[in-house]
PDB file of N, CA and C in Angstrom:
ATOM      1  N   MET A   1     -87.181  -7.845 -36.483  1.00  0.00           N
ATOM      2  CA  MET A   1     -85.686  -7.790 -35.787  1.00  0.00           C
ATOM      3  C   MET A   1     -85.532  -7.093 -34.657  1.00  0.00           C
ATOM      4  N   THR A   2     -86.431  -6.215 -34.359  1.00  0.00           N
ATOM      5  CA  THR A   2     -86.217  -5.404 -32.919  1.00  0.00           C
ATOM      6  C   THR A   2     -86.782  -6.398 -32.031  1.00  0.00           C
ATOM      7  N   HIS A   3     -87.433  -7.444 -32.382  1.00  0.00           N
ATOM      8  CA  HIS A   3     -87.966  -8.458 -31.071  1.00  0.00           C
ATOM      9  C   HIS A   3     -86.837  -9.323 -30.768  1.00  0.00           C
ATOM     10  N   LEU A   4     -85.831  -9.572 -31.585  1.00  0.00           N
ATOM     11  CA  LEU A   4     -84.880 -10.436 -31.198  1.00  0.00           C
ATOM     12  C   LEU A   4     -83.680  -9.612 -30.667  1.00  0.00           C
ATOM     13  N   VAL A   5     -83.379  -8.511 -30.718  1.00  0.00           N
ATOM     14  CA  VAL A   5     -82.630  -7.682 -29.559  1.00  0.00           C
ATOM     15  C   VAL A   5     -83.320  -7.762 -28.302  1.00  0.00           C
ATOM     16  N   THR A   6     -84.650  -7.441 -28.043  1.00  0.00           N
ATOM     17  CA  THR A   6     -85.135  -7.598 -26.927  1.00  0.00           C
ATOM     18  C   THR A   6     -84.784  -9.032 -26.198  1.00  0.00           C
ATOM     19  N   LEU A   7     -85.045 -10.067 -27.020  1.00  0.00           N
ATOM     20  CA  LEU A   7     -84.684 -11.389 -26.346  1.00  0.00           C
ATOM     21  C   LEU A   7     -83.326 -11.735 -25.970  1.00  0.00           C
ATOM     22  N   ALA A   8     -82.447 -11.107 -26.637  1.00  0.00           N
ATOM     23  CA  ALA A   8     -81.069 -11.296 -26.121  1.00  0.00           C
ATOM     24  C   ALA A   8     -80.427 -10.547 -25.050  1.00  0.00           C
ATOM     25  N   GLU A   9     -81.404  -9.333 -25.035  1.00  0.00           N
ATOM     26  CA  GLU A   9     -81.267  -8.563 -23.368  1.00  0.00           C
ATOM     27  C   GLU A   9     -79.784  -8.114 -23.672  1.00  0.00           C
ATOM     28  N   LEU A  10     -79.433  -7.443 -24.381  1.00  0.00           N
ATOM     29  CA  LEU A  10     -78.261  -6.637 -24.449  1.00  0.00           C
ATOM     30  C   LEU A  10     -78.255  -5.570 -23.232  1.00  0.00           C
ATOM     31  N   ASP A  11     -76.989  -5.795 -22.415  1.00  0.00           N
ATOM     32  CA  ASP A  11     -77.024  -4.950 -21.417  1.00  0.00           C
ATOM     33  C   ASP A  11     -75.785  -3.910 -21.817  1.00  0.00           C
ATOM     34  N   GLU A  12     -76.296  -2.688 -21.936  1.00  0.00           N
ATOM     35  CA  GLU A  12     -75.261  -1.513 -22.191  1.00  0.00           C
ATOM     36  C   GLU A  12     -74.380  -1.297 -21.112  1.00  0.00           C
ATOM     37  N   ASP A  13     -74.609  -1.796 -20.046  1.00  0.00           N
ATOM     38  CA  ASP A  13     -73.487  -1.538 -18.671  1.00  0.00           C
ATOM     39  C   ASP A  13     -72.499  -2.545 -18.773  1.00  0.00           C
ATOM     40  N   LYS A  14     -72.582  -3.612 -19.498  1.00  0.00           N
ATOM     41  CA  LYS A  14     -71.627  -4.742 -19.461  1.00  0.00           C
ATOM     42  C   LYS A  14     -70.486  -4.392 -20.335  1.00  0.00           C
ATOM     43  N   VAL A  15     -69.264  -4.228 -20.029  1.00  0.00           N
ATOM     44  CA  VAL A  15     -67.837  -3.884 -20.477  1.00  0.00           C
ATOM     45  C   VAL A  15     -67.284  -5.292 -21.005  1.00  0.00           C
ATOM     46  N   THR A  16     -66.991  -5.548 -22.275  1.00  0.00           N
ATOM     47  CA  THR A  16     -66.129  -6.858 -22.560  1.00  0.00           C
ATOM     48  C   THR A  16     -64.857  -6.400 -23.263  1.00  0.00           C
ATOM     49  N   PRO A  17     -63.582  -7.031 -22.980  1.00  0.00           N
ATOM     50  CA  PRO A  17     -62.513  -6.463 -23.546  1.00  0.00           C
ATOM     51  C   PRO A  17     -62.456  -6.607 -25.024  1.00  0.00           C
ATOM     52  N   GLY A  18     -63.149  -7.313 -25.917  1.00  0.00           N
ATOM     53  CA  GLY A  18     -63.285  -7.434 -27.398  1.00  0.00           C
ATOM     54  C   GLY A  18     -62.359  -7.882 -28.137  1.00  0.00           C
ATOM     55  N   VAL A  19     -62.046  -7.387 -29.219  1.00  0.00           N
ATOM     56  CA  VAL A  19     -60.744  -7.671 -30.264  1.00  0.00           C
ATOM     57  C   VAL A  19     -59.544  -7.136 -29.802  1.00  0.00           C
ATOM     58  N   LEU A  20     -59.835  -5.760 -29.506  1.00  0.00           N
ATOM     59  CA  LEU A  20     -58.541  -5.175 -29.104  1.00  0.00           C
ATOM     60  C   LEU A  20     -58.008  -5.642 -27.842  1.00  0.00           C
ATOM     61  N   GLY A  21     -58.870  -6.231 -26.975  1.00  0.00           N
ATOM     62  CA  GLY A  21     -58.303  -6.941 -25.735  1.00  0.00           C
ATOM     63  C   GLY A  21     -57.706  -8.169 -25.830  1.00  0.00           C
ATOM     64  N   PHE A  22     -58.231  -9.072 -26.995  1.00  0.00           N
ATOM     65  CA  PHE A  22     -57.513 -10.188 -27.574  1.00  0.00           C
ATOM     66  C   PHE A  22     -56.074  -9.875 -27.922  1.00  0.00           C
ATOM     67  N   ILE A  23     -56.100  -9.034 -28.971  1.00  0.00           N
ATOM     68  CA  ILE A  23     -54.933  -8.774 -29.573  1.00  0.00           C
ATOM     69  C   ILE A  23     -53.783  -8.236 -28.802  1.00  0.00           C
ATOM     70  N   VAL A  24     -54.164  -7.434 -27.775  1.00  0.00           N
ATOM     71  CA  VAL A  24     -53.215  -7.097 -26.600  1.00  0.00           C
ATOM     72  C   VAL A  24     -52.581  -8.180 -25.901  1.00  0.00           C
ATOM     73  N   PHE A  25     -53.642  -9.276 -25.592  1.00  0.00           N
ATOM     74  CA  PHE A  25     -53.290 -10.361 -24.707  1.00  0.00           C
ATOM     75  C   PHE A  25     -52.246 -11.275 -25.212  1.00  0.00           C
ATOM     76  N   ALA A  26     -52.829 -11.360 -26.966  1.00  0.00           N
ATOM     77  CA  ALA A  26     -51.957 -12.298 -27.616  1.00  0.00           C
ATOM     78  C   ALA A  26     -50.529 -11.722 -27.794  1.00  0.00           C
ATOM     79  N   VAL A  27     -50.317 -10.525 -28.113  1.00  0.00           N
ATOM     80  CA  VAL A  27     -48.920  -9.858 -28.436  1.00  0.00           C
ATOM     81  C   VAL A  27     -48.538 -10.001 -26.745  1.00  0.00           C
ATOM     82  N   MET A  28     -48.713  -9.917 -25.821  1.00  0.00           N
ATOM     83  CA  MET A  28     -48.064  -9.942 -24.513  1.00  0.00           C
ATOM     84  C   MET A  28     -47.692 -11.349 -24.395  1.00  0.00           C
ATOM     85  N   ALA A  29     -48.484 -12.531 -24.585  1.00  0.00           N
ATOM     86  CA  ALA A  29     -48.304 -13.776 -24.429  1.00  0.00           C
ATOM     87  C   ALA A  29     -46.884 -14.052 -25.520  1.00  0.00           C
ATOM     88  N   LEU A  30     -46.986 -13.532 -26.579  1.00  0.00           N
ATOM     89  CA  LEU A  30     -45.725 -14.052 -27.535  1.00  0.00           C
ATOM     90  C   LEU A  30     -44.555 -13.137 -26.930  1.00  0.00           C
ATOM     91  N   ALA A  31     -44.934 -12.148 -26.421  1.00  0.00           N
ATOM     92  CA  ALA A  31     -43.532 -11.617 -26.028  1.00  0.00           C
ATOM     93  C   ALA A  31     -42.847 -12.222 -24.745  1.00  0.00           C
ATOM     94  N   VAL A  32     -43.837 -12.658 -23.884  1.00  0.00           N
ATOM     95  CA  VAL A  32     -43.393 -13.604 -22.615  1.00  0.00           C
ATOM     96  C   VAL A  32     -42.885 -14.758 -23.409  1.00  0.00           C
ATOM     97  N   TRP A  33     -43.345 -15.308 -24.268  1.00  0.00           N
ATOM     98  CA  TRP A  33     -42.737 -16.621 -24.765  1.00  0.00           C
ATOM     99  C   TRP A  33     -41.339 -16.482 -25.386  1.00  0.00           C
ATOM    100  N   GLY A  34     -41.264 -15.477 -26.216  1.00  0.00           N
ATOM    101  CA  GLY A  34     -40.077 -14.908 -26.694  1.00  0.00           C
ATOM    102  C   GLY A  34     -38.809 -14.585 -25.641  1.00  0.00           C
ATOM    103  N   LEU A  35     -39.158 -14.063 -24.626  1.00  0.00           N
ATOM    104  CA  LEU A  35     -38.440 -14.060 -23.454  1.00  0.00           C
ATOM    105  C   LEU A  35     -37.957 -15.098 -22.705  1.00  0.00           C
ATOM    106  N   MET A  36     -38.999 -16.033 -22.544  1.00  0.00           N
ATOM    107  CA  MET A  36     -38.513 -17.197 -22.021  1.00  0.00           C
ATOM    108  C   MET A  36     -37.414 -18.013 -22.957  1.00  0.00           C
ATOM    109  N   LYS A  37     -37.896 -17.950 -24.093  1.00  0.00           N
ATOM    110  CA  LYS A  37     -36.934 -18.742 -25.171  1.00  0.00           C
ATOM    111  C   LYS A  37     -35.445 -17.848 -24.973  1.00  0.00           C
ATOM    112  N   SER A  38     -35.542 -16.879 -24.969  1.00  0.00           N
ATOM    113  CA  SER A  38     -34.097 -16.258 -25.021  1.00  0.00           C
ATOM    114  C   SER A  38     -33.438 -16.309 -23.419  1.00  0.00           C
ATOM    115  N   MET A  39     -34.459 -16.410 -22.368  1.00  0.00           N
ATOM    116  CA  MET A  39     -33.360 -16.595 -21.356  1.00  0.00           C
ATOM    117  C   MET A  39     -32.774 -17.943 -21.307  1.00  0.00           C
ATOM    118  N   ASN A  40     -33.336 -18.996 -21.496  1.00  0.00           N
ATOM    119  CA  ASN A  40     -33.231 -20.191 -21.717  1.00  0.00           C
ATOM    120  C   ASN A  40     -31.861 -20.843 -22.512  1.00  0.00           C
ATOM    121  N   ARG A  41     -31.965 -19.953 -23.757  1.00  0.00           N
ATOM    122  CA  ARG A  41     -30.537 -20.149 -24.622  1.00  0.00           C
ATOM    123  C   ARG A  41     -29.486 -19.179 -23.626  1.00  0.00           C
ATOM    124  N   HIS A  42     -29.669 -18.442 -22.916  1.00  0.00           N
ATOM    125  CA  HIS A  42     -28.738 -17.414 -22.359  1.00  0.00           C
ATOM    126  C   HIS A  42     -28.213 -18.302 -20.863  1.00  0.00           C
ATOM    127  N   MET A  43     -29.245 -18.955 -20.153  1.00  0.00           N
ATOM    128  CA  MET A  43     -28.942 -19.903 -19.364  1.00  0.00           C
ATOM    129  C   MET A  43     -27.925 -21.030 -19.678  1.00  0.00           C
ATOM    130  N   GLY A  44     -28.431 -21.488 -20.987  1.00  0.00           N
ATOM    131  CA  GLY A  44     -27.594 -22.487 -21.156  1.00  0.00           C
ATOM    132  C   GLY A  44     -26.034 -22.279 -21.456  1.00  0.00           C
ATOM    133  N   LYS A  45     -26.016 -20.987 -21.503  1.00  0.00           N
ATOM    134  CA  LYS A  45     -24.547 -20.677 -22.082  1.00  0.00           C
ATOM    135  C   LYS A  45     -23.666 -20.498 -20.367  1.00  0.00           C
ATOM    136  N   VAL A  46     -24.539 -20.193 -19.436  1.00  0.00           N
ATOM    137  CA  VAL A  46     -23.843 -19.898 -18.020  1.00  0.00           C
ATOM    138  C   VAL A  46     -23.117 -21.416 -17.512  1.00  0.00           C
ATOM    139  N   ASP A  47     -21.775 -21.267 -17.240  1.00  0.00           N
ATOM    140  CA  ASP A  47     -21.080 -22.264 -16.725  1.00  0.00           C
ATOM    141  C   ASP A  47     -21.272 -22.054 -15.184  1.00  0.00           C
ATOM    142  N   PHE A  48     -21.701 -23.316 -14.282  1.00  0.00           N
ATOM    143  CA  PHE A  48     -22.313 -23.122 -12.891  1.00  0.00           C
ATOM    144  C   PHE A  48     -21.262 -23.928 -12.171  1.00  0.00           C
ATOM    145  N   LYS A  49     -19.825 -24.433 -12.861  1.00  0.00           N
ATOM    146  CA  LYS A  49     -18.873 -24.860 -11.994  1.00  0.00           C
ATOM    147  C   LYS A  49     -18.182 -24.107 -10.781  1.00  0.00           C
ATOM    148  N   GLU A  50     -18.150 -24.680  -9.683  1.00  0.00           N
ATOM    149  CA  GLU A  50     -17.841 -23.565  -8.870  1.00  0.00           C
ATOM    150  C   GLU A  50     -15.755 -24.132  -8.876  1.00  0.00           C
ATOM    151  N   ALA A  51     -15.200 -22.814  -8.255  1.00  0.00           N
ATOM    152  CA  ALA A  51     -14.008 -22.870  -8.272  1.00  0.00           C
ATOM    153  C   ALA A  51     -13.454 -23.571  -7.297  1.00  0.00           C
ATOM    154  N   ALA A  52     -12.505 -24.361  -7.256  1.00  0.00           N
ATOM    155  CA  ALA A  52     -11.697 -25.204  -6.123  1.00  0.00           C
ATOM    156  C   ALA A  52     -11.483 -24.135  -5.098  1.00  0.00           C
ATOM    157  N   GLU A  53     -11.627 -25.059  -3.700  1.00  0.00           N
ATOM    158  CA  GLU A  53     -11.536 -24.184  -2.799  1.00  0.00           C
ATOM    159  C   GLU A  53      -9.936 -23.972  -2.384  1.00  0.00           C
ATOM    160  N   GLN A  54      -9.558 -22.927  -1.619  1.00  0.00           N
ATOM    161  CA  GLN A  54      -8.023 -22.661  -1.483  1.00  0.00           C
ATOM    162  C   GLN A  54      -7.801 -23.257  -0.163  1.00  0.00           C
ATOM    163  N   ASP A  55      -6.575 -23.400   0.003  1.00  0.00           N
ATOM    164  CA  ASP A  55      -5.899 -24.231   1.056  1.00  0.00           C
ATOM    165  C   ASP A  55      -6.208 -23.401   2.262  1.00  0.00           C
ATOM    166  N   ALA A  56      -6.375 -23.998   3.793  1.00  0.00           N
ATOM    167  CA  ALA A  56      -6.611 -23.431   4.748  1.00  0.00           C
ATOM    168  C   ALA A  56      -5.611 -22.287   4.933  1.00  0.00           C
ATOM    169  N   SER A  57      -4.192 -22.524   4.837  1.00  0.00           N
ATOM    170  CA  SER A  57      -3.281 -21.751   5.360  1.00  0.00           C
ATOM    171  C   SER A  57      -3.102 -20.309   4.451  1.00  0.00           C
ATOM    172  N   GLY A  58      -3.472 -20.770   3.206  1.00  0.00           N
ATOM    173  CA  GLY A  58      -3.321 -19.472   2.127  1.00  0.00           C
ATOM    174  C   GLY A  58      -4.728 -19.012   1.535  1.00  0.00           C
ATOM    175  N   GLY A  59      -5.671 -19.230   2.363  1.00  0.00           N
ATOM    176  CA  GLY A  59      -7.186 -18.565   2.178  1.00  0.00           C
ATOM    177  C   GLY A  59      -7.493 -17.387   1.974  1.00  0.00           C
ATOM    178  N   GLY A  60      -7.040 -16.424   2.792  1.00  0.00           N
ATOM    179  CA  GLY A  60      -7.420 -15.071   2.593  1.00  0.00           C
ATOM    180  C   GLY A  60      -8.587 -14.837   3.296  1.00  0.00           C
ATOM    181  N   GLU A  61      -9.563 -15.883   3.647  1.00  0.00           N
ATOM    182  CA  GLU A  61     -11.062 -15.388   4.260  1.00  0.00           C
ATOM    183  C   GLU A  61     -10.634 -15.897   5.525  1.00  0.00           C
ATOM    184  N   ALA A  62     -11.406 -14.879   6.409  1.00  0.00           N
ATOM    185  CA  ALA A  62     -11.687 -15.148   7.703  1.00  0.00           C
ATOM    186  C   ALA A  62     -12.445 -16.188   8.452  1.00  0.00           C
ATOM    187  N   LYS A  63     -11.801 -16.931   9.061  1.00  0.00           N
ATOM    188  CA  LYS A  63     -12.660 -18.282   9.545  1.00  0.00           C
ATOM    189  C   LYS A  63     -13.313 -17.848  11.074  1.00  0.00           C
ATOM    190  N   PRO A  64     -14.497 -18.149  11.276  1.00  0.00           N
ATOM    191  CA  PRO A  64     -15.030 -17.727  12.713  1.00  0.00           C
ATOM    192  C   PRO A  64     -14.337 -18.241  13.842  1.00  0.00           C
ATOM    193  N   GLN A  65     -14.077 -17.698  14.686  1.00  0.00           N
ATOM    194  CA  GLN A  65     -13.259 -18.525  15.995  1.00  0.00           C
ATOM    195  C   GLN A  65     -14.389 -19.173  16.758  1.00  0.00           C
ATOM    196  N   GLN A  66     -13.879 -20.257  17.455  1.00  0.00           N
ATOM    197  CA  GLN A  66     -14.373 -21.064  18.222  1.00  0.00           C
ATOM    198  C   GLN A  66     -14.480 -20.742  19.452  1.00  0.00           C
ATOM    199  N   GLY A  67     -15.639 -21.299  20.393  1.00  0.00           N
ATOM    200  CA  GLY A  67     -15.660 -20.703  21.660  1.00  0.00           C
ATOM    201  C   GLY A  67     -16.128 -19.823  22.304  1.00  0.00           C
TER     202      GLY A  67
END
């Protein structure tokens, strides 16, 4: 059995994320998916229709001067 370990050449300096890294990544991916689904639901409720423009005489907004 010891000769199999030497054949695999385990590198003690190599660091891998392992199971904990996978679980953290999966939880973050599920959180992002849930947030995107919630955002889409909220964006569907938003009304993007613009208000009708006011008349030029009663507009209240300053227009740039020409010249």
